[in-house]
Amino acid sequence: MVNYKSIAIDVKNNEIYVNPSINIRGFRADDVLQINDTEKAIDILEKYEVQSWKKDYTFEDPETYQDGYSWSLWLQFEDGTVEKHSGEGTDVEKLTPKNFREFAKELGSFVEEKINNKED
């Protein structure tokens, strides 16, 4: 199985959140980086047509297994609405969109490049 890092990008404010997490206390990140080309993230979302992905790829009851795999993608729009796509289970191929790995790799590379270069 491939492990993916959490990614959070605020396109409107041109920010990338370093090591983001969501828990009962809310949203947290180790750092916030200003970048100058967040529209590239939108290009990646459009390239992989993520808004056409199913909302839920889960195909089995989580009570039927102990260890599995999960993923989620949340898109929040200017009006505050949230669109969520996700999946969890034991068969990665069945619970992810066909182009998920390529999407995750490209978006992850974009974020890593920005974090490593720490633009001003």
PDB file of N, CA and C in Angstrom:
ATOM      1  N   MET A   1       0.827  -1.179   0.000  1.00  0.00           N
ATOM      2  CA  MET A   1       0.000   0.000   0.000  1.00  0.00           C
ATOM      3  C   MET A   1       0.874   1.246   0.000  1.00  0.00           C
ATOM      4  N   VAL A   2       0.355   2.277  -0.595  1.00  0.00           N
ATOM      5  CA  VAL A   2       1.056   3.540  -0.671  1.00  0.00           C
ATOM      6  C   VAL A   2       0.497   4.466   0.400  1.00  0.00           C
ATOM      7  N   ASN A   3       1.373   5.142   1.113  1.00  0.00           N
ATOM      8  CA  ASN A   3       0.932   6.128   2.090  1.00  0.00           C
ATOM      9  C   ASN A   3       1.013   7.515   1.476  1.00  0.00           C
ATOM     10  N   TYR A   4      -0.058   8.262   1.609  1.00  0.00           N
ATOM     11  CA  TYR A   4      -0.094   9.615   1.104  1.00  0.00           C
ATOM     12  C   TYR A   4      -0.131  10.579   2.269  1.00  0.00           C
ATOM     13  N   LYS A   5       0.516  11.731   2.103  1.00  0.00           N
ATOM     14  CA  LYS A   5       0.486  12.765   3.120  1.00  0.00           C
ATOM     15  C   LYS A   5      -0.770  13.599   2.965  1.00  0.00           C
ATOM     16  N   SER A   6      -1.205  14.166   4.062  1.00  0.00           N
ATOM     17  CA  SER A   6      -2.329  15.102   4.010  1.00  0.00           C
ATOM     18  C   SER A   6      -1.871  16.376   3.325  1.00  0.00           C
ATOM     19  N   ILE A   7      -2.777  16.943   2.539  1.00  0.00           N
ATOM     20  CA  ILE A   7      -2.492  18.182   1.814  1.00  0.00           C
ATOM     21  C   ILE A   7      -3.638  19.143   2.060  1.00  0.00           C
ATOM     22  N   ALA A   8      -3.308  20.395   2.333  1.00  0.00           N
ATOM     23  CA  ALA A   8      -4.331  21.438   2.454  1.00  0.00           C
ATOM     24  C   ALA A   8      -3.812  22.686   1.750  1.00  0.00           C
ATOM     25  N   ILE A   9      -4.609  23.183   0.811  1.00  0.00           N
ATOM     26  CA  ILE A   9      -4.242  24.358   0.027  1.00  0.00           C
ATOM     27  C   ILE A   9      -5.399  25.337   0.068  1.00  0.00           C
ATOM     28  N   ASP A  10      -5.106  26.584   0.404  1.00  0.00           N
ATOM     29  CA  ASP A  10      -6.101  27.652   0.364  1.00  0.00           C
ATOM     30  C   ASP A  10      -5.822  28.448  -0.904  1.00  0.00           C
ATOM     31  N   VAL A  11      -6.586  28.174  -1.946  1.00  0.00           N
ATOM     32  CA  VAL A  11      -6.362  28.793  -3.252  1.00  0.00           C
ATOM     33  C   VAL A  11      -6.614  30.291  -3.194  1.00  0.00           C
ATOM     34  N   LYS A  12      -7.683  30.684  -2.534  1.00  0.00           N
ATOM     35  CA  LYS A  12      -8.055  32.104  -2.473  1.00  0.00           C
ATOM     36  C   LYS A  12      -6.958  32.954  -1.821  1.00  0.00           C
ATOM     37  N   ASN A  13      -6.347  32.425  -0.762  1.00  0.00           N
ATOM     38  CA  ASN A  13      -5.331  33.186  -0.021  1.00  0.00           C
ATOM     39  C   ASN A  13      -3.904  32.797  -0.381  1.00  0.00           C
ATOM     40  N   ASN A  14      -3.737  31.960  -1.418  1.00  0.00           N
ATOM     41  CA  ASN A  14      -2.410  31.554  -1.893  1.00  0.00           C
ATOM     42  C   ASN A  14      -1.548  30.953  -0.784  1.00  0.00           C
ATOM     43  N   GLU A  15      -2.116  29.964  -0.079  1.00  0.00           N
ATOM     44  CA  GLU A  15      -1.413  29.364   1.043  1.00  0.00           C
ATOM     45  C   GLU A  15      -1.413  27.837   0.949  1.00  0.00           C
ATOM     46  N   ILE A  16      -0.303  27.262   1.396  1.00  0.00           N
ATOM     47  CA  ILE A  16      -0.200  25.824   1.580  1.00  0.00           C
ATOM     48  C   ILE A  16       0.029  25.604   3.067  1.00  0.00           C
ATOM     49  N   TYR A  17      -0.721  24.669   3.640  1.00  0.00           N
ATOM     50  CA  TYR A  17      -0.575  24.323   5.046  1.00  0.00           C
ATOM     51  C   TYR A  17       0.341  23.108   5.153  1.00  0.00           C
ATOM     52  N   VAL A  18       1.381  23.240   5.952  1.00  0.00           N
ATOM     53  CA  VAL A  18       2.375  22.184   6.105  1.00  0.00           C
ATOM     54  C   VAL A  18       1.913  21.202   7.180  1.00  0.00           C
ATOM     55  N   ASN A  19       1.875  19.916   6.833  1.00  0.00           N
ATOM     56  CA  ASN A  19       1.447  18.838   7.733  1.00  0.00           C
ATOM     57  C   ASN A  19       0.090  19.134   8.376  1.00  0.00           C
ATOM     58  N   PRO A  20      -0.939  19.323   7.569  1.00  0.00           N
ATOM     59  CA  PRO A  20      -2.258  19.644   8.121  1.00  0.00           C
ATOM     60  C   PRO A  20      -2.925  18.430   8.758  1.00  0.00           C
ATOM     61  N   SER A  21      -3.804  18.704   9.721  1.00  0.00           N
ATOM     62  CA  SER A  21      -4.601  17.636  10.326  1.00  0.00           C
ATOM     63  C   SER A  21      -5.925  18.215  10.807  1.00  0.00           C
ATOM     64  N   ILE A  22      -6.912  17.343  10.831  1.00  0.00           N
ATOM     65  CA  ILE A  22      -8.227  17.712  11.352  1.00  0.00           C
ATOM     66  C   ILE A  22      -8.542  16.723  12.468  1.00  0.00           C
ATOM     67  N   ASN A  23      -8.905  17.255  13.625  1.00  0.00           N
ATOM     68  CA  ASN A  23      -9.308  16.395  14.732  1.00  0.00           C
ATOM     69  C   ASN A  23     -10.427  17.083  15.511  1.00  0.00           C
ATOM     70  N   ILE A  24     -10.729  16.605  16.694  1.00  0.00           N
ATOM     71  CA  ILE A  24     -11.847  17.176  17.449  1.00  0.00           C
ATOM     72  C   ILE A  24     -11.608  18.636  17.847  1.00  0.00           C
ATOM     73  N   ARG A  25     -10.363  19.061  17.832  1.00  0.00           N
ATOM     74  CA  ARG A  25     -10.037  20.461  18.148  1.00  0.00           C
ATOM     75  C   ARG A  25     -10.108  21.373  16.925  1.00  0.00           C
ATOM     76  N   GLY A  26     -10.290  20.775  15.763  1.00  0.00           N
ATOM     77  CA  GLY A  26     -10.385  21.572  14.543  1.00  0.00           C
ATOM     78  C   GLY A  26      -9.210  21.340  13.617  1.00  0.00           C
ATOM     79  N   PHE A  27      -8.955  22.316  12.770  1.00  0.00           N
ATOM     80  CA  PHE A  27      -7.896  22.235  11.760  1.00  0.00           C
ATOM     81  C   PHE A  27      -6.601  22.784  12.332  1.00  0.00           C
ATOM     82  N   ARG A  28      -5.507  22.072  12.100  1.00  0.00           N
ATOM     83  CA  ARG A  28      -4.186  22.516  12.553  1.00  0.00           C
ATOM     84  C   ARG A  28      -3.160  22.231  11.460  1.00  0.00           C
ATOM     85  N   ALA A  29      -2.071  23.016  11.489  1.00  0.00           N
ATOM     86  CA  ALA A  29      -0.949  22.793  10.576  1.00  0.00           C
ATOM     87  C   ALA A  29       0.330  23.241  11.270  1.00  0.00           C
ATOM     88  N   ASP A  30       1.448  22.634  10.877  1.00  0.00           N
ATOM     89  CA  ASP A  30       2.738  23.006  11.459  1.00  0.00           C
ATOM     90  C   ASP A  30       3.173  24.400  11.023  1.00  0.00           C
ATOM     91  N   ASP A  31       2.806  24.784   9.798  1.00  0.00           N
ATOM     92  CA  ASP A  31       3.228  26.062   9.245  1.00  0.00           C
ATOM     93  C   ASP A  31       2.304  26.412   8.079  1.00  0.00           C
ATOM     94  N   VAL A  32       2.316  27.672   7.696  1.00  0.00           N
ATOM     95  CA  VAL A  32       1.558  28.134   6.533  1.00  0.00           C
ATOM     96  C   VAL A  32       2.537  28.851   5.608  1.00  0.00           C
ATOM     97  N   LEU A  33       2.586  28.400   4.350  1.00  0.00           N
ATOM     98  CA  LEU A  33       3.486  29.003   3.377  1.00  0.00           C
ATOM     99  C   LEU A  33       2.702  29.792   2.350  1.00  0.00           C
ATOM    100  N   GLN A  34       3.148  30.990   2.074  1.00  0.00           N
ATOM    101  CA  GLN A  34       2.575  31.796   0.990  1.00  0.00           C
ATOM    102  C   GLN A  34       3.213  31.337  -0.311  1.00  0.00           C
ATOM    103  N   ILE A  35       2.400  31.117  -1.315  1.00  0.00           N
ATOM    104  CA  ILE A  35       2.915  30.758  -2.630  1.00  0.00           C
ATOM    105  C   ILE A  35       2.260  31.664  -3.662  1.00  0.00           C
ATOM    106  N   ASN A  36       2.767  31.631  -4.887  1.00  0.00           N
ATOM    107  CA  ASN A  36       2.234  32.557  -5.887  1.00  0.00           C
ATOM    108  C   ASN A  36       1.483  31.894  -7.030  1.00  0.00           C
ATOM    109  N   ASP A  37       1.276  30.577  -6.959  1.00  0.00           N
ATOM    110  CA  ASP A  37       0.597  29.927  -8.083  1.00  0.00           C
ATOM    111  C   ASP A  37      -0.349  28.809  -7.644  1.00  0.00           C
ATOM    112  N   THR A  38      -1.236  29.123  -6.714  1.00  0.00           N
ATOM    113  CA  THR A  38      -2.192  28.108  -6.254  1.00  0.00           C
ATOM    114  C   THR A  38      -3.146  27.684  -7.361  1.00  0.00           C
ATOM    115  N   GLU A  39      -3.260  28.489  -8.414  1.00  0.00           N
ATOM    116  CA  GLU A  39      -4.136  28.084  -9.523  1.00  0.00           C
ATOM    117  C   GLU A  39      -3.646  26.786 -10.167  1.00  0.00           C
ATOM    118  N   LYS A  40      -2.384  26.439  -9.971  1.00  0.00           N
ATOM    119  CA  LYS A  40      -1.848  25.164 -10.448  1.00  0.00           C
ATOM    120  C   LYS A  40      -2.584  24.000  -9.768  1.00  0.00           C
ATOM    121  N   ALA A  41      -2.949  24.174  -8.504  1.00  0.00           N
ATOM    122  CA  ALA A  41      -3.710  23.128  -7.802  1.00  0.00           C
ATOM    123  C   ALA A  41      -5.073  22.937  -8.465  1.00  0.00           C
ATOM    124  N   ILE A  42      -5.696  24.021  -8.867  1.00  0.00           N
ATOM    125  CA  ILE A  42      -6.987  23.936  -9.570  1.00  0.00           C
ATOM    126  C   ILE A  42      -6.797  23.216 -10.902  1.00  0.00           C
ATOM    127  N   ASP A  43      -5.712  23.528 -11.599  1.00  0.00           N
ATOM    128  CA  ASP A  43      -5.423  22.850 -12.868  1.00  0.00           C
ATOM    129  C   ASP A  43      -5.307  21.333 -12.663  1.00  0.00           C
ATOM    130  N   ILE A  44      -4.671  20.925 -11.572  1.00  0.00           N
ATOM    131  CA  ILE A  44      -4.513  19.499 -11.290  1.00  0.00           C
ATOM    132  C   ILE A  44      -5.872  18.866 -10.992  1.00  0.00           C
ATOM    133  N   LEU A  45      -6.691  19.536 -10.196  1.00  0.00           N
ATOM    134  CA  LEU A  45      -8.039  19.031  -9.901  1.00  0.00           C
ATOM    135  C   LEU A  45      -8.844  18.861 -11.185  1.00  0.00           C
ATOM    136  N   GLU A  46      -8.742  19.838 -12.081  1.00  0.00           N
ATOM    137  CA  GLU A  46      -9.480  19.774 -13.344  1.00  0.00           C
ATOM    138  C   GLU A  46      -8.915  18.691 -14.263  1.00  0.00           C
ATOM    139  N   LYS A  47      -7.604  18.563 -14.309  1.00  0.00           N
ATOM    140  CA  LYS A  47      -6.962  17.565 -15.164  1.00  0.00           C
ATOM    141  C   LYS A  47      -7.464  16.159 -14.840  1.00  0.00           C
ATOM    142  N   TYR A  48      -7.618  15.863 -13.556  1.00  0.00           N
ATOM    143  CA  TYR A  48      -8.055  14.527 -13.141  1.00  0.00           C
ATOM    144  C   TYR A  48      -9.562  14.439 -12.925  1.00  0.00           C
ATOM    145  N   GLU A  49     -10.267  15.493 -13.273  1.00  0.00           N
ATOM    146  CA  GLU A  49     -11.729  15.540 -13.215  1.00  0.00           C
ATOM    147  C   GLU A  49     -12.262  15.032 -11.877  1.00  0.00           C
ATOM    148  N   VAL A  50     -11.675  15.528 -10.777  1.00  0.00           N
ATOM    149  CA  VAL A  50     -12.040  15.017  -9.461  1.00  0.00           C
ATOM    150  C   VAL A  50     -13.505  15.296  -9.099  1.00  0.00           C
ATOM    151  N   GLN A  51     -14.074  16.336  -9.643  1.00  0.00           N
ATOM    152  CA  GLN A  51     -15.475  16.616  -9.321  1.00  0.00           C
ATOM    153  C   GLN A  51     -16.429  15.620  -9.972  1.00  0.00           C
ATOM    154  N   SER A  52     -15.925  14.811 -10.891  1.00  0.00           N
ATOM    155  CA  SER A  52     -16.763  13.762 -11.487  1.00  0.00           C
ATOM    156  C   SER A  52     -16.600  12.429 -10.745  1.00  0.00           C
ATOM    157  N   TRP A  53     -15.680  12.378  -9.779  1.00  0.00           N
ATOM    158  CA  TRP A  53     -15.510  11.166  -8.999  1.00  0.00           C
ATOM    159  C   TRP A  53     -16.768  10.907  -8.169  1.00  0.00           C
ATOM    160  N   LYS A  54     -17.018   9.646  -7.856  1.00  0.00           N
ATOM    161  CA  LYS A  54     -18.131   9.304  -6.972  1.00  0.00           C
ATOM    162  C   LYS A  54     -17.875   9.925  -5.597  1.00  0.00           C
ATOM    163  N   LYS A  55     -18.953  10.159  -4.877  1.00  0.00           N
ATOM    164  CA  LYS A  55     -18.813  10.723  -3.528  1.00  0.00           C
ATOM    165  C   LYS A  55     -18.237   9.705  -2.557  1.00  0.00           C
ATOM    166  N   ASP A  56     -18.591   8.433  -2.717  1.00  0.00           N
ATOM    167  CA  ASP A  56     -18.142   7.401  -1.787  1.00  0.00           C
ATOM    168  C   ASP A  56     -17.818   6.111  -2.540  1.00  0.00           C
ATOM    169  N   TYR A  57     -16.584   5.658  -2.391  1.00  0.00           N
ATOM    170  CA  TYR A  57     -16.126   4.432  -3.039  1.00  0.00           C
ATOM    171  C   TYR A  57     -16.118   3.236  -2.079  1.00  0.00           C
ATOM    172  N   THR A  58     -16.610   3.444  -0.875  1.00  0.00           N
ATOM    173  CA  THR A  58     -16.642   2.362   0.104  1.00  0.00           C
ATOM    174  C   THR A  58     -17.570   1.262  -0.394  1.00  0.00           C
ATOM    175  N   PHE A  59     -17.098   0.031  -0.337  1.00  0.00           N
ATOM    176  CA  PHE A  59     -17.888  -1.075  -0.875  1.00  0.00           C
ATOM    177  C   PHE A  59     -18.094  -2.199   0.135  1.00  0.00           C
ATOM    178  N   GLU A  60     -17.538  -2.044   1.328  1.00  0.00           N
ATOM    179  CA  GLU A  60     -17.692  -3.090   2.329  1.00  0.00           C
ATOM    180  C   GLU A  60     -17.906  -2.467   3.707  1.00  0.00           C
ATOM    181  N   ASP A  61     -18.529  -3.189   4.572  1.00  0.00           N
ATOM    182  CA  ASP A  61     -18.839  -2.724   5.916  1.00  0.00           C
ATOM    183  C   ASP A  61     -17.557  -2.659   6.746  1.00  0.00           C
ATOM    184  N   PRO A  62     -17.206  -1.483   7.311  1.00  0.00           N
ATOM    185  CA  PRO A  62     -15.994  -1.357   8.124  1.00  0.00           C
ATOM    186  C   PRO A  62     -15.972  -2.302   9.330  1.00  0.00           C
ATOM    187  N   GLU A  63     -17.108  -2.810   9.735  1.00  0.00           N
ATOM    188  CA  GLU A  63     -17.165  -3.758  10.856  1.00  0.00           C
ATOM    189  C   GLU A  63     -16.638  -5.140  10.474  1.00  0.00           C
ATOM    190  N   THR A  64     -16.421  -5.388   9.165  1.00  0.00           N
ATOM    191  CA  THR A  64     -16.017  -6.716   8.710  1.00  0.00           C
ATOM    192  C   THR A  64     -14.503  -6.887   8.580  1.00  0.00           C
ATOM    193  N   TYR A  65     -13.713  -5.856   8.904  1.00  0.00           N
ATOM    194  CA  TYR A  65     -12.263  -5.975   8.827  1.00  0.00           C
ATOM    195  C   TYR A  65     -11.617  -5.089   9.889  1.00  0.00           C
ATOM    196  N   GLN A  66     -10.354  -5.371  10.215  1.00  0.00           N
ATOM    197  CA  GLN A  66      -9.656  -4.589  11.236  1.00  0.00           C
ATOM    198  C   GLN A  66      -8.735  -3.543  10.624  1.00  0.00           C
ATOM    199  N   ASP A  67      -7.974  -3.934   9.653  1.00  0.00           N
ATOM    200  CA  ASP A  67      -7.034  -3.012   9.014  1.00  0.00           C
ATOM    201  C   ASP A  67      -7.474  -2.785   7.586  1.00  0.00           C
ATOM    202  N   GLY A  68      -7.342  -1.570   7.159  1.00  0.00           N
ATOM    203  CA  GLY A  68      -7.735  -1.253   5.797  1.00  0.00           C
ATOM    204  C   GLY A  68      -7.040   0.001   5.324  1.00  0.00           C
ATOM    205  N   TYR A  69      -7.620   0.609   4.355  1.00  0.00           N
ATOM    206  CA  TYR A  69      -7.069   1.778   3.682  1.00  0.00           C
ATOM    207  C   TYR A  69      -8.201   2.790   3.565  1.00  0.00           C
ATOM    208  N   SER A  70      -7.870   4.053   3.694  1.00  0.00           N
ATOM    209  CA  SER A  70      -8.900   5.072   3.484  1.00  0.00           C
ATOM    210  C   SER A  70      -8.282   6.314   2.857  1.00  0.00           C
ATOM    211  N   TRP A  71      -9.114   7.076   2.214  1.00  0.00           N
ATOM    212  CA  TRP A  71      -8.697   8.339   1.615  1.00  0.00           C
ATOM    213  C   TRP A  71      -9.905   9.268   1.603  1.00  0.00           C
ATOM    214  N   SER A  72      -9.631  10.560   1.544  1.00  0.00           N
ATOM    215  CA  SER A  72     -10.716  11.530   1.385  1.00  0.00           C
ATOM    216  C   SER A  72     -10.168  12.790   0.738  1.00  0.00           C
ATOM    217  N   LEU A  73     -11.027  13.423  -0.008  1.00  0.00           N
ATOM    218  CA  LEU A  73     -10.715  14.687  -0.666  1.00  0.00           C
ATOM    219  C   LEU A  73     -11.875  15.621  -0.392  1.00  0.00           C
ATOM    220  N   TRP A  74     -11.585  16.741   0.225  1.00  0.00           N
ATOM    221  CA  TRP A  74     -12.611  17.732   0.537  1.00  0.00           C
ATOM    222  C   TRP A  74     -12.304  18.987  -0.260  1.00  0.00           C
ATOM    223  N   LEU A  75     -13.294  19.492  -0.946  1.00  0.00           N
ATOM    224  CA  LEU A  75     -13.174  20.743  -1.675  1.00  0.00           C
ATOM    225  C   LEU A  75     -14.149  21.723  -1.037  1.00  0.00           C
ATOM    226  N   GLN A  76     -13.642  22.828  -0.535  1.00  0.00           N
ATOM    227  CA  GLN A  76     -14.517  23.848   0.026  1.00  0.00           C
ATOM    228  C   GLN A  76     -14.523  25.036  -0.922  1.00  0.00           C
ATOM    229  N   PHE A  77     -15.723  25.508  -1.220  1.00  0.00           N
ATOM    230  CA  PHE A  77     -15.891  26.584  -2.175  1.00  0.00           C
ATOM    231  C   PHE A  77     -16.086  27.923  -1.463  1.00  0.00           C
ATOM    232  N   GLU A  78     -15.993  29.008  -2.223  1.00  0.00           N
ATOM    233  CA  GLU A  78     -16.098  30.346  -1.650  1.00  0.00           C
ATOM    234  C   GLU A  78     -17.372  30.565  -0.854  1.00  0.00           C
ATOM    235  N   ASP A  79     -18.464  29.917  -1.257  1.00  0.00           N
ATOM    236  CA  ASP A  79     -19.724  30.102  -0.536  1.00  0.00           C
ATOM    237  C   ASP A  79     -19.809  29.234   0.719  1.00  0.00           C
ATOM    238  N   GLY A  80     -18.737  28.496   1.031  1.00  0.00           N
ATOM    239  CA  GLY A  80     -18.686  27.683   2.235  1.00  0.00           C
ATOM    240  C   GLY A  80     -19.143  26.243   2.046  1.00  0.00           C
ATOM    241  N   THR A  81     -19.732  25.918   0.910  1.00  0.00           N
ATOM    242  CA  THR A  81     -20.161  24.536   0.682  1.00  0.00           C
ATOM    243  C   THR A  81     -18.940  23.631   0.540  1.00  0.00           C
ATOM    244  N   VAL A  82     -19.129  22.386   0.919  1.00  0.00           N
ATOM    245  CA  VAL A  82     -18.050  21.406   0.880  1.00  0.00           C
ATOM    246  C   VAL A  82     -18.491  20.214   0.035  1.00  0.00           C
ATOM    247  N   GLU A  83     -17.598  19.776  -0.831  1.00  0.00           N
ATOM    248  CA  GLU A  83     -17.826  18.582  -1.636  1.00  0.00           C
ATOM    249  C   GLU A  83     -16.803  17.560  -1.165  1.00  0.00           C
ATOM    250  N   LYS A  84     -17.268  16.371  -0.805  1.00  0.00           N
ATOM    251  CA  LYS A  84     -16.372  15.356  -0.273  1.00  0.00           C
ATOM    252  C   LYS A  84     -16.423  14.103  -1.137  1.00  0.00           C
ATOM    253  N   HIS A  85     -15.240  13.549  -1.385  1.00  0.00           N
ATOM    254  CA  HIS A  85     -15.074  12.285  -2.095  1.00  0.00           C
ATOM    255  C   HIS A  85     -14.217  11.406  -1.184  1.00  0.00           C
ATOM    256  N   SER A  86     -14.573  10.128  -1.037  1.00  0.00           N
ATOM    257  CA  SER A  86     -13.809   9.287  -0.120  1.00  0.00           C
ATOM    258  C   SER A  86     -14.017   7.805  -0.407  1.00  0.00           C
ATOM    259  N   GLY A  87     -13.244   7.015   0.297  1.00  0.00           N
ATOM    260  CA  GLY A  87     -13.396   5.574   0.224  1.00  0.00           C
ATOM    261  C   GLY A  87     -12.616   4.925   1.343  1.00  0.00           C
ATOM    262  N   GLU A  88     -13.101   3.777   1.797  1.00  0.00           N
ATOM    263  CA  GLU A  88     -12.366   3.011   2.794  1.00  0.00           C
ATOM    264  C   GLU A  88     -12.680   1.536   2.615  1.00  0.00           C
ATOM    265  N   GLY A  89     -11.699   0.721   2.948  1.00  0.00           N
ATOM    266  CA  GLY A  89     -11.887  -0.708   2.797  1.00  0.00           C
ATOM    267  C   GLY A  89     -10.567  -1.441   2.723  1.00  0.00           C
ATOM    268  N   THR A  90     -10.593  -2.626   2.151  1.00  0.00           N
ATOM    269  CA  THR A  90      -9.404  -3.472   2.112  1.00  0.00           C
ATOM    270  C   THR A  90      -8.805  -3.620   0.716  1.00  0.00           C
ATOM    271  N   ASP A  91      -9.516  -3.207  -0.310  1.00  0.00           N
ATOM    272  CA  ASP A  91      -9.028  -3.345  -1.681  1.00  0.00           C
ATOM    273  C   ASP A  91      -8.849  -1.953  -2.291  1.00  0.00           C
ATOM    274  N   VAL A  92      -7.595  -1.487  -2.311  1.00  0.00           N
ATOM    275  CA  VAL A  92      -7.284  -0.131  -2.771  1.00  0.00           C
ATOM    276  C   VAL A  92      -7.814   0.129  -4.174  1.00  0.00           C
ATOM    277  N   GLU A  93      -7.696  -0.839  -5.050  1.00  0.00           N
ATOM    278  CA  GLU A  93      -8.134  -0.644  -6.436  1.00  0.00           C
ATOM    279  C   GLU A  93      -9.638  -0.409  -6.527  1.00  0.00           C
ATOM    280  N   LYS A  94     -10.406  -1.071  -5.681  1.00  0.00           N
ATOM    281  CA  LYS A  94     -11.858  -0.920  -5.721  1.00  0.00           C
ATOM    282  C   LYS A  94     -12.344   0.359  -5.054  1.00  0.00           C
ATOM    283  N   LEU A  95     -11.567   0.899  -4.095  1.00  0.00           N
ATOM    284  CA  LEU A  95     -12.073   2.040  -3.342  1.00  0.00           C
ATOM    285  C   LEU A  95     -11.436   3.374  -3.722  1.00  0.00           C
ATOM    286  N   THR A  96     -10.730   3.378  -4.852  1.00  0.00           N
ATOM    287  CA  THR A  96     -10.182   4.642  -5.355  1.00  0.00           C
ATOM    288  C   THR A  96     -10.580   4.823  -6.815  1.00  0.00           C
ATOM    289  N   PRO A  97     -10.718   6.084  -7.233  1.00  0.00           N
ATOM    290  CA  PRO A  97     -10.984   6.349  -8.657  1.00  0.00           C
ATOM    291  C   PRO A  97      -9.826   5.820  -9.504  1.00  0.00           C
ATOM    292  N   LYS A  98     -10.110   5.568 -10.757  1.00  0.00           N
ATOM    293  CA  LYS A  98      -9.124   4.987 -11.669  1.00  0.00           C
ATOM    294  C   LYS A  98      -7.822   5.795 -11.714  1.00  0.00           C
ATOM    295  N   ASN A  99      -7.899   7.095 -11.684  1.00  0.00           N
ATOM    296  CA  ASN A  99      -6.710   7.943 -11.820  1.00  0.00           C
ATOM    297  C   ASN A  99      -6.241   8.537 -10.488  1.00  0.00           C
ATOM    298  N   PHE A 100      -6.626   7.925  -9.374  1.00  0.00           N
ATOM    299  CA  PHE A 100      -6.315   8.464  -8.051  1.00  0.00           C
ATOM    300  C   PHE A 100      -4.813   8.548  -7.782  1.00  0.00           C
ATOM    301  N   ARG A 101      -4.097   7.477  -8.058  1.00  0.00           N
ATOM    302  CA  ARG A 101      -2.651   7.477  -7.759  1.00  0.00           C
ATOM    303  C   ARG A 101      -1.906   8.571  -8.524  1.00  0.00           C
ATOM    304  N   GLU A 102      -2.250   8.738  -9.789  1.00  0.00           N
ATOM    305  CA  GLU A 102      -1.608   9.780 -10.593  1.00  0.00           C
ATOM    306  C   GLU A 102      -1.949  11.161 -10.051  1.00  0.00           C
ATOM    307  N   PHE A 103      -3.215  11.355  -9.679  1.00  0.00           N
ATOM    308  CA  PHE A 103      -3.648  12.623  -9.098  1.00  0.00           C
ATOM    309  C   PHE A 103      -2.887  12.919  -7.806  1.00  0.00           C
ATOM    310  N   ALA A 104      -2.860  11.941  -6.888  1.00  0.00           N
ATOM    311  CA  ALA A 104      -2.190  12.130  -5.601  1.00  0.00           C
ATOM    312  C   ALA A 104      -0.701  12.412  -5.788  1.00  0.00           C
ATOM    313  N   LYS A 105      -0.086  11.716  -6.732  1.00  0.00           N
ATOM    314  CA  LYS A 105       1.345  11.920  -6.987  1.00  0.00           C
ATOM    315  C   LYS A 105       1.602  13.328  -7.518  1.00  0.00           C
ATOM    316  N   GLU A 106       0.795  13.787  -8.468  1.00  0.00           N
ATOM    317  CA  GLU A 106       1.016  15.114  -9.049  1.00  0.00           C
ATOM    318  C   GLU A 106       0.734  16.225  -8.046  1.00  0.00           C
ATOM    319  N   LEU A 107      -0.357  16.121  -7.306  1.00  0.00           N
ATOM    320  CA  LEU A 107      -0.661  17.155  -6.317  1.00  0.00           C
ATOM    321  C   LEU A 107       0.378  17.135  -5.198  1.00  0.00           C
ATOM    322  N   GLY A 108       0.782  15.948  -4.776  1.00  0.00           N
ATOM    323  CA  GLY A 108       1.814  15.834  -3.748  1.00  0.00           C
ATOM    324  C   GLY A 108       3.141  16.420  -4.196  1.00  0.00           C
ATOM    325  N   SER A 109       3.516  16.187  -5.443  1.00  0.00           N
ATOM    326  CA  SER A 109       4.763  16.755  -5.977  1.00  0.00           C
ATOM    327  C   SER A 109       4.705  18.273  -6.026  1.00  0.00           C
ATOM    328  N   PHE A 110       3.556  18.810  -6.410  1.00  0.00           N
ATOM    329  CA  PHE A 110       3.369  20.262  -6.440  1.00  0.00           C
ATOM    330  C   PHE A 110       3.593  20.850  -5.038  1.00  0.00           C
ATOM    331  N   VAL A 111       2.966  20.254  -4.039  1.00  0.00           N
ATOM    332  CA  VAL A 111       3.082  20.754  -2.665  1.00  0.00           C
ATOM    333  C   VAL A 111       4.508  20.581  -2.147  1.00  0.00           C
ATOM    334  N   GLU A 112       5.109  19.424  -2.361  1.00  0.00           N
ATOM    335  CA  GLU A 112       6.485  19.186  -1.903  1.00  0.00           C
ATOM    336  C   GLU A 112       7.452  20.199  -2.509  1.00  0.00           C
ATOM    337  N   GLU A 113       7.285  20.483  -3.785  1.00  0.00           N
ATOM    338  CA  GLU A 113       8.150  21.467  -4.448  1.00  0.00           C
ATOM    339  C   GLU A 113       8.030  22.820  -3.766  1.00  0.00           C
ATOM    340  N   LYS A 114       6.798  23.224  -3.449  1.00  0.00           N
ATOM    341  CA  LYS A 114       6.579  24.523  -2.801  1.00  0.00           C
ATOM    342  C   LYS A 114       7.176  24.537  -1.390  1.00  0.00           C
ATOM    343  N   ILE A 115       6.995  23.451  -0.658  1.00  0.00           N
ATOM    344  CA  ILE A 115       7.530  23.387   0.705  1.00  0.00           C
ATOM    345  C   ILE A 115       9.053  23.387   0.670  1.00  0.00           C
ATOM    346  N   ASN A 116       9.638  22.629  -0.241  1.00  0.00           N
ATOM    347  CA  ASN A 116      11.096  22.573  -0.327  1.00  0.00           C
ATOM    348  C   ASN A 116      11.723  23.883  -0.791  1.00  0.00           C
ATOM    349  N   ASN A 117      11.005  24.639  -1.635  1.00  0.00           N
ATOM    350  CA  ASN A 117      11.533  25.907  -2.132  1.00  0.00           C
ATOM    351  C   ASN A 117      11.173  27.088  -1.250  1.00  0.00           C
ATOM    352  N   LYS A 118      10.174  26.918  -0.384  1.00  0.00           N
ATOM    353  CA  LYS A 118       9.702  27.969   0.523  1.00  0.00           C
ATOM    354  C   LYS A 118       9.754  29.348  -0.105  1.00  0.00           C
ATOM    355  N   GLU A 119       8.820  29.546  -1.050  1.00  0.00           N
ATOM    356  CA  GLU A 119       8.727  30.828  -1.754  1.00  0.00           C
ATOM    357  C   GLU A 119       8.452  31.968  -0.789  1.00  0.00           C
ATOM    358  N   ASP A 120       8.819  33.163  -1.199  1.00  0.00           N
ATOM    359  CA  ASP A 120       8.478  34.377  -0.431  1.00  0.00           C
ATOM    360  C   ASP A 120       7.303  35.060  -1.036  1.00  0.00           C
TER     361      ASP A 120
END
